[in-house]
Amino acid sequence: MRARRSGREGGTPVRRGCRGGFTLLELMFASSVMAMAIGFVLYTFISYQRAFAVGYSHLGVRNEIRHAMDSMARDIRWTIEPVATHGGHATSATCLVLKVPAIDASKEIIDIKNAADYFVYRLNGNALERIVIPHESSDRESGTTVVARGVTALAFTLEDRNNATTSVPADACAVEISLAVGGAVAVVSSVDYAGKPAVTAQTERLATTVTFRNTAARST
């Protein structure tokens, strides 16, 4: 009889069915899956970054324009009357000269008919400026402050008692303000990710009409 061969040849075990690592096809498939996963994560991150940047820019522009409108509305309500010119400034579509009561250190009105301060709102480039020109006896300090930057449009329209447009400041009882403020934010999109970030413009527009509350104090 023929002897059965043992599982050992020359004393060394014979191993069958063992694979020595991944095939090229398996490596290519795994690399493709990994690349897709990385691409998805990157796309999600870019989308989140873009949404956050645009939202943050909108918030900044909105706060800028609301601050400017609140400042102008407050001063207009305090106004005795708008005037045609004062201190080298003239009322126009982009400049508003306001005559307001002078105040003392206690913030009390000194003499509403004989002692007046002046507020000037004007567009200087793309900046909306507020200029204070005080009376010599007033406690207000003179100076210029910027109440809004990135202004893309500004219009002052004077209205009389009949809500009709007037070009005569002395006849005005209210002023319509139209203001637009824009901002730019650099965001990365899937199209230009390898290059320079795209700049997206954000613009907010507000319009309101404010009445002069101290018109009864005008000189007759």
C-alpha atoms as a PDB file:
ATOM      1  CA  MET A   1       0.000   0.000   0.000  1.00  0.00           C
ATOM      2  CA  ARG A   2       0.907   3.533  -0.609  1.00  0.00           C
ATOM      3  CA  ALA A   3       1.586   5.454   2.546  1.00  0.00           C
ATOM      4  CA  ARG A   4      -0.555   8.571   3.307  1.00  0.00           C
ATOM      5  CA  ARG A   5       1.390  11.774   3.050  1.00  0.00           C
ATOM      6  CA  SER A   6       1.487  13.749   6.169  1.00  0.00           C
ATOM      7  CA  GLY A   7       0.707  17.456   6.400  1.00  0.00           C
ATOM      8  CA  ARG A   8       4.364  18.137   6.866  1.00  0.00           C
ATOM      9  CA  GLU A   9       6.992  17.952   4.193  1.00  0.00           C
ATOM     10  CA  GLY A  10      10.440  17.829   5.508  1.00  0.00           C
ATOM     11  CA  GLY A  11       9.178  18.786   8.953  1.00  0.00           C
ATOM     12  CA  THR A  12       7.723  22.141   7.753  1.00  0.00           C
ATOM     13  CA  PRO A  13       3.955  22.776   7.934  1.00  0.00           C
ATOM     14  CA  VAL A  14       2.302  23.402   4.589  1.00  0.00           C
ATOM     15  CA  ARG A  15      -0.087  26.452   4.646  1.00  0.00           C
ATOM     16  CA  ARG A  16      -2.830  26.634   2.106  1.00  0.00           C
ATOM     17  CA  GLY A  17      -5.393  29.363   1.337  1.00  0.00           C
ATOM     18  CA  CYS A  18      -3.499  32.291   2.985  1.00  0.00           C
ATOM     19  CA  ARG A  19      -3.534  35.677   1.143  1.00  0.00           C
ATOM     20  CA  GLY A  20      -0.625  38.073   1.352  1.00  0.00           C
ATOM     21  CA  GLY A  21      -2.362  41.562   1.574  1.00  0.00           C
ATOM     22  CA  PHE A  22      -4.824  43.591  -0.581  1.00  0.00           C
ATOM     23  CA  THR A  23      -5.114  43.440  -4.315  1.00  0.00           C
ATOM     24  CA  LEU A  24      -4.642  46.515  -6.498  1.00  0.00           C
ATOM     25  CA  LEU A  25      -8.373  46.654  -7.204  1.00  0.00           C
ATOM     26  CA  GLU A  26      -9.193  46.671  -3.499  1.00  0.00           C
ATOM     27  CA  LEU A  27      -6.710  49.477  -2.847  1.00  0.00           C
ATOM     28  CA  MET A  28      -8.152  51.549  -5.681  1.00  0.00           C
ATOM     29  CA  PHE A  29     -11.686  51.060  -4.340  1.00  0.00           C
ATOM     30  CA  ALA A  30     -10.659  52.015  -0.800  1.00  0.00           C
ATOM     31  CA  SER A  31      -8.859  55.113  -2.105  1.00  0.00           C
ATOM     32  CA  SER A  32     -11.946  56.160  -4.053  1.00  0.00           C
ATOM     33  CA  VAL A  33     -14.180  55.803  -0.996  1.00  0.00           C
ATOM     34  CA  MET A  34     -11.742  57.799   1.117  1.00  0.00           C
ATOM     35  CA  ALA A  35     -11.514  60.542  -1.513  1.00  0.00           C
ATOM     36  CA  MET A  36     -15.307  60.795  -1.648  1.00  0.00           C
ATOM     37  CA  ALA A  37     -15.510  61.018   2.141  1.00  0.00           C
ATOM     38  CA  ILE A  38     -12.871  63.763   2.264  1.00  0.00           C
ATOM     39  CA  GLY A  39     -14.649  65.644  -0.525  1.00  0.00           C
ATOM     40  CA  PHE A  40     -17.963  65.488   1.320  1.00  0.00           C
ATOM     41  CA  VAL A  41     -16.405  66.756   4.548  1.00  0.00           C
ATOM     42  CA  LEU A  42     -14.657  69.572   2.670  1.00  0.00           C
ATOM     43  CA  TYR A  43     -17.838  70.555   0.844  1.00  0.00           C
ATOM     44  CA  THR A  44     -19.773  70.623   4.120  1.00  0.00           C
ATOM     45  CA  PHE A  45     -17.125  72.771   5.762  1.00  0.00           C
ATOM     46  CA  ILE A  46     -17.030  75.242   2.856  1.00  0.00           C
ATOM     47  CA  SER A  47     -20.832  75.501   2.800  1.00  0.00           C
ATOM     48  CA  TYR A  48     -20.922  76.160   6.540  1.00  0.00           C
ATOM     49  CA  GLN A  49     -18.141  78.745   6.273  1.00  0.00           C
ATOM     50  CA  ARG A  50     -19.949  80.516   3.455  1.00  0.00           C
ATOM     51  CA  ALA A  51     -23.284  80.587   5.270  1.00  0.00           C
ATOM     52  CA  PHE A  52     -21.653  81.867   8.454  1.00  0.00           C
ATOM     53  CA  ALA A  53     -19.705  84.597   6.632  1.00  0.00           C
ATOM     54  CA  VAL A  54     -22.736  85.817   4.699  1.00  0.00           C
ATOM     55  CA  GLY A  55     -24.938  85.765   7.797  1.00  0.00           C
ATOM     56  CA  TYR A  56     -22.371  87.631   9.850  1.00  0.00           C
ATOM     57  CA  SER A  57     -21.981  90.235   7.115  1.00  0.00           C
ATOM     58  CA  HIS A  58     -25.758  90.716   6.922  1.00  0.00           C
ATOM     59  CA  LEU A  59     -25.880  91.262  10.675  1.00  0.00           C
ATOM     60  CA  GLY A  60     -23.083  93.836  10.578  1.00  0.00           C
ATOM     61  CA  VAL A  61     -24.669  95.804   7.730  1.00  0.00           C
ATOM     62  CA  ARG A  62     -28.083  95.682   9.398  1.00  0.00           C
ATOM     63  CA  ASN A  63     -26.679  96.994  12.678  1.00  0.00           C
ATOM     64  CA  GLU A  64     -24.812  99.753  10.815  1.00  0.00           C
ATOM     65  CA  ILE A  65     -27.877 101.051   9.017  1.00  0.00           C
ATOM     66  CA  ARG A  66     -30.147 100.834  12.062  1.00  0.00           C
ATOM     67  CA  HIS A  67     -27.651 102.756  14.171  1.00  0.00           C
ATOM     68  CA  ALA A  68     -27.509 105.489  11.533  1.00  0.00           C
ATOM     69  CA  MET A  69     -31.289 105.720  11.189  1.00  0.00           C
ATOM     70  CA  ASP A  70     -31.789 105.842  14.960  1.00  0.00           C
ATOM     71  CA  SER A  71     -29.218 108.627  15.279  1.00  0.00           C
ATOM     72  CA  MET A  72     -30.828 110.736  12.550  1.00  0.00           C
ATOM     73  CA  ALA A  73     -34.370 110.139  13.806  1.00  0.00           C
ATOM     74  CA  ARG A  74     -33.413 111.163  17.342  1.00  0.00           C
ATOM     75  CA  ASP A  75     -31.822 114.422  16.175  1.00  0.00           C
ATOM     76  CA  ILE A  76     -34.651 115.244  13.768  1.00  0.00           C
ATOM     77  CA  ARG A  77     -37.259 114.892  16.518  1.00  0.00           C
ATOM     78  CA  TRP A  78     -35.164 117.254  18.648  1.00  0.00           C
ATOM     79  CA  THR A  79     -34.958 119.789  15.819  1.00  0.00           C
ATOM     80  CA  ILE A  80     -36.541 123.229  15.836  1.00  0.00           C
ATOM     81  CA  GLU A  81     -36.260 123.411  12.058  1.00  0.00           C
ATOM     82  CA  PRO A  82     -33.998 122.472   9.182  1.00  0.00           C
ATOM     83  CA  VAL A  83     -32.080 125.391   7.725  1.00  0.00           C
ATOM     84  CA  ALA A  84     -30.820 126.114   4.235  1.00  0.00           C
ATOM     85  CA  THR A  85     -27.203 126.745   5.220  1.00  0.00           C
ATOM     86  CA  HIS A  86     -24.972 126.982   8.264  1.00  0.00           C
ATOM     87  CA  GLY A  87     -21.250 126.751   8.862  1.00  0.00           C
ATOM     88  CA  GLY A  88     -20.494 126.180   5.207  1.00  0.00           C
ATOM     89  CA  HIS A  89     -22.993 123.311   4.901  1.00  0.00           C
ATOM     90  CA  ALA A  90     -26.140 123.471   2.754  1.00  0.00           C
ATOM     91  CA  THR A  91     -29.251 121.318   2.954  1.00  0.00           C
ATOM     92  CA  SER A  92     -29.570 119.113  -0.125  1.00  0.00           C
ATOM     93  CA  ALA A  93     -30.500 115.579  -1.117  1.00  0.00           C
ATOM     94  CA  THR A  94     -27.378 114.250   0.616  1.00  0.00           C
ATOM     95  CA  CYS A  95     -26.917 116.851   3.351  1.00  0.00           C
ATOM     96  CA  LEU A  96     -29.278 117.874   6.138  1.00  0.00           C
ATOM     97  CA  VAL A  97     -28.653 120.906   8.360  1.00  0.00           C
ATOM     98  CA  LEU A  98     -30.691 120.901  11.575  1.00  0.00           C
ATOM     99  CA  LYS A  99     -31.213 123.703  14.078  1.00  0.00           C
ATOM    100  CA  VAL A 100     -31.596 122.297  17.596  1.00  0.00           C
ATOM    101  CA  PRO A 101     -31.943 123.865  21.066  1.00  0.00           C
ATOM    102  CA  ALA A 102     -28.695 124.561  22.900  1.00  0.00           C
ATOM    103  CA  ILE A 103     -28.334 122.856  26.286  1.00  0.00           C
ATOM    104  CA  ASP A 104     -26.472 123.496  29.522  1.00  0.00           C
ATOM    105  CA  ALA A 105     -24.409 121.096  31.626  1.00  0.00           C
ATOM    106  CA  SER A 106     -27.616 119.667  33.121  1.00  0.00           C
ATOM    107  CA  LYS A 107     -28.925 118.919  29.604  1.00  0.00           C
ATOM    108  CA  GLU A 108     -31.601 121.576  30.033  1.00  0.00           C
ATOM    109  CA  ILE A 109     -32.543 123.883  27.157  1.00  0.00           C
ATOM    110  CA  ILE A 110     -30.910 127.288  27.528  1.00  0.00           C
ATOM    111  CA  ASP A 111     -32.982 129.521  25.239  1.00  0.00           C
ATOM    112  CA  ILE A 112     -34.864 127.738  22.516  1.00  0.00           C
ATOM    113  CA  LYS A 113     -35.282 130.883  20.387  1.00  0.00           C
ATOM    114  CA  ASN A 114     -31.987 132.683  20.875  1.00  0.00           C
ATOM    115  CA  ALA A 115     -29.417 129.949  21.534  1.00  0.00           C
ATOM    116  CA  ALA A 116     -29.228 127.147  18.996  1.00  0.00           C
ATOM    117  CA  ASP A 117     -26.844 124.361  18.135  1.00  0.00           C
ATOM    118  CA  TYR A 118     -26.625 122.786  14.698  1.00  0.00           C
ATOM    119  CA  PHE A 119     -26.392 119.171  13.604  1.00  0.00           C
ATOM    120  CA  VAL A 120     -25.258 118.393  10.091  1.00  0.00           C
ATOM    121  CA  TYR A 121     -25.685 115.005   8.459  1.00  0.00           C
ATOM    122  CA  ARG A 122     -23.759 114.711   5.234  1.00  0.00           C
ATOM    123  CA  LEU A 123     -22.425 112.072   2.882  1.00  0.00           C
ATOM    124  CA  ASN A 124     -18.648 112.226   2.612  1.00  0.00           C
ATOM    125  CA  GLY A 125     -17.542 109.601   0.121  1.00  0.00           C
ATOM    126  CA  ASN A 126     -19.219 106.437   1.365  1.00  0.00           C
ATOM    127  CA  ALA A 127     -19.350 107.622   4.989  1.00  0.00           C
ATOM    128  CA  LEU A 128     -22.352 109.257   6.646  1.00  0.00           C
ATOM    129  CA  GLU A 129     -21.035 111.925   9.008  1.00  0.00           C
ATOM    130  CA  ARG A 130     -22.679 113.767  11.895  1.00  0.00           C
ATOM    131  CA  ILE A 131     -21.222 117.205  12.557  1.00  0.00           C
ATOM    132  CA  VAL A 132     -22.012 119.162  15.728  1.00  0.00           C
ATOM    133  CA  ILE A 133     -21.708 122.964  15.607  1.00  0.00           C
ATOM    134  CA  PRO A 134     -22.602 124.242  19.098  1.00  0.00           C
ATOM    135  CA  HIS A 135     -23.636 127.705  20.271  1.00  0.00           C
ATOM    136  CA  GLU A 136     -21.003 129.492  22.361  1.00  0.00           C
ATOM    137  CA  SER A 137     -23.103 129.020  25.512  1.00  0.00           C
ATOM    138  CA  SER A 138     -23.959 125.382  24.812  1.00  0.00           C
ATOM    139  CA  ASP A 139     -22.532 122.446  26.711  1.00  0.00           C
ATOM    140  CA  ARG A 140     -22.378 120.350  23.548  1.00  0.00           C
ATOM    141  CA  GLU A 141     -18.939 119.668  22.111  1.00  0.00           C
ATOM    142  CA  SER A 142     -18.141 120.367  18.496  1.00  0.00           C
ATOM    143  CA  GLY A 143     -16.866 117.536  16.364  1.00  0.00           C
ATOM    144  CA  THR A 144     -17.471 115.096  13.553  1.00  0.00           C
ATOM    145  CA  THR A 145     -18.372 111.443  13.964  1.00  0.00           C
ATOM    146  CA  VAL A 146     -19.049 108.723  11.397  1.00  0.00           C
ATOM    147  CA  VAL A 147     -22.428 107.108  12.001  1.00  0.00           C
ATOM    148  CA  ALA A 148     -22.338 104.716   9.026  1.00  0.00           C
ATOM    149  CA  ARG A 149     -19.752 103.404   6.588  1.00  0.00           C
ATOM    150  CA  GLY A 150     -20.268 101.733   3.253  1.00  0.00           C
ATOM    151  CA  VAL A 151     -23.187 103.998   2.324  1.00  0.00           C
ATOM    152  CA  THR A 152     -24.299 103.270  -1.228  1.00  0.00           C
ATOM    153  CA  ALA A 153     -27.307 105.615  -1.365  1.00  0.00           C
ATOM    154  CA  LEU A 154     -28.673 108.492   0.715  1.00  0.00           C
ATOM    155  CA  ALA A 155     -31.586 110.844   0.107  1.00  0.00           C
ATOM    156  CA  PHE A 156     -33.223 113.479   2.303  1.00  0.00           C
ATOM    157  CA  THR A 157     -36.657 114.707   1.197  1.00  0.00           C
ATOM    158  CA  LEU A 158     -38.356 117.562   3.064  1.00  0.00           C
ATOM    159  CA  GLU A 159     -42.142 117.486   3.451  1.00  0.00           C
ATOM    160  CA  ASP A 160     -44.526 120.303   4.393  1.00  0.00           C
ATOM    161  CA  ARG A 161     -47.726 120.186   6.477  1.00  0.00           C
ATOM    162  CA  ASN A 162     -49.614 118.644   3.554  1.00  0.00           C
ATOM    163  CA  ASN A 163     -47.042 115.874   3.167  1.00  0.00           C
ATOM    164  CA  ALA A 164     -45.952 117.428  -0.106  1.00  0.00           C
ATOM    165  CA  THR A 165     -42.312 117.672  -1.080  1.00  0.00           C
ATOM    166  CA  THR A 166     -40.789 121.086  -0.462  1.00  0.00           C
ATOM    167  CA  SER A 167     -37.410 122.599  -1.229  1.00  0.00           C
ATOM    168  CA  VAL A 168     -37.851 125.334   1.397  1.00  0.00           C
ATOM    169  CA  PRO A 169     -36.450 124.152   4.760  1.00  0.00           C
ATOM    170  CA  ALA A 170     -38.522 126.701   6.710  1.00  0.00           C
ATOM    171  CA  ASP A 171     -41.725 125.112   5.365  1.00  0.00           C
ATOM    172  CA  ALA A 172     -40.730 121.568   6.281  1.00  0.00           C
ATOM    173  CA  CYS A 173     -42.498 119.676   9.043  1.00  0.00           C
ATOM    174  CA  ALA A 174     -40.941 116.292   8.362  1.00  0.00           C
ATOM    175  CA  VAL A 175     -38.117 114.680   6.468  1.00  0.00           C
ATOM    176  CA  GLU A 176     -38.105 111.398   4.610  1.00  0.00           C
ATOM    177  CA  ILE A 177     -34.832 109.496   4.862  1.00  0.00           C
ATOM    178  CA  SER A 178     -33.788 106.803   2.419  1.00  0.00           C
ATOM    179  CA  LEU A 179     -30.531 105.052   3.267  1.00  0.00           C
ATOM    180  CA  ALA A 180     -28.703 102.071   1.805  1.00  0.00           C
ATOM    181  CA  VAL A 181     -25.604 100.565   3.376  1.00  0.00           C
ATOM    182  CA  GLY A 182     -23.541  97.822   1.789  1.00  0.00           C
ATOM    183  CA  GLY A 183     -20.815  95.504   2.972  1.00  0.00           C
ATOM    184  CA  ALA A 184     -18.536  92.959   1.306  1.00  0.00           C
ATOM    185  CA  VAL A 185     -17.531  89.560   2.613  1.00  0.00           C
ATOM    186  CA  ALA A 186     -14.951  87.180   1.147  1.00  0.00           C
ATOM    187  CA  VAL A 187     -16.341  83.673   0.914  1.00  0.00           C
ATOM    188  CA  VAL A 188     -14.913  80.474  -0.545  1.00  0.00           C
ATOM    189  CA  SER A 189     -17.125  78.565  -2.947  1.00  0.00           C
ATOM    190  CA  SER A 190     -16.675  75.198  -4.591  1.00  0.00           C
ATOM    191  CA  VAL A 191     -15.873  76.975  -7.854  1.00  0.00           C
ATOM    192  CA  ASP A 192     -13.079  79.232  -6.695  1.00  0.00           C
ATOM    193  CA  TYR A 193     -11.777  77.222  -3.760  1.00  0.00           C
ATOM    194  CA  ALA A 194      -8.366  76.814  -5.391  1.00  0.00           C
ATOM    195  CA  GLY A 195      -8.098  80.518  -6.150  1.00  0.00           C
ATOM    196  CA  LYS A 196      -9.000  83.848  -4.631  1.00  0.00           C
ATOM    197  CA  PRO A 197     -12.126  83.870  -2.440  1.00  0.00           C
ATOM    198  CA  ALA A 198     -15.148  85.451  -4.067  1.00  0.00           C
ATOM    199  CA  VAL A 199     -16.439  88.750  -2.672  1.00  0.00           C
ATOM    200  CA  THR A 200     -20.166  88.819  -2.025  1.00  0.00           C
ATOM    201  CA  ALA A 201     -21.885  92.187  -1.529  1.00  0.00           C
ATOM    202  CA  GLN A 202     -24.487  92.565   1.208  1.00  0.00           C
ATOM    203  CA  THR A 203     -26.806  95.588   1.070  1.00  0.00           C
ATOM    204  CA  GLU A 204     -29.512  96.772   3.443  1.00  0.00           C
ATOM    205  CA  ARG A 205     -31.992  99.553   2.651  1.00  0.00           C
ATOM    206  CA  LEU A 206     -34.253 101.463   5.012  1.00  0.00           C
ATOM    207  CA  ALA A 207     -36.624 104.366   4.512  1.00  0.00           C
ATOM    208  CA  THR A 208     -38.596 106.296   7.101  1.00  0.00           C
ATOM    209  CA  THR A 209     -40.275 109.643   7.650  1.00  0.00           C
ATOM    210  CA  VAL A 210     -39.563 111.584  10.840  1.00  0.00           C
ATOM    211  CA  THR A 211     -41.517 114.614  12.079  1.00  0.00           C
ATOM    212  CA  PHE A 212     -39.939 117.685  13.653  1.00  0.00           C
ATOM    213  CA  ARG A 213     -41.423 117.861  17.158  1.00  0.00           C
ATOM    214  CA  ASN A 214     -40.253 121.351  18.121  1.00  0.00           C
ATOM    215  CA  THR A 215     -41.795 123.227  15.187  1.00  0.00           C
ATOM    216  CA  ALA A 216     -43.908 125.299  17.609  1.00  0.00           C
ATOM    217  CA  ALA A 217     -40.703 126.948  18.813  1.00  0.00           C
ATOM    218  CA  ARG A 218     -39.890 128.434  15.409  1.00  0.00           C
ATOM    219  CA  SER A 219     -39.541 132.181  15.265  1.00  0.00           C
ATOM    220  CA  THR A 220     -42.463 134.001  13.761  1.00  0.00           C
END
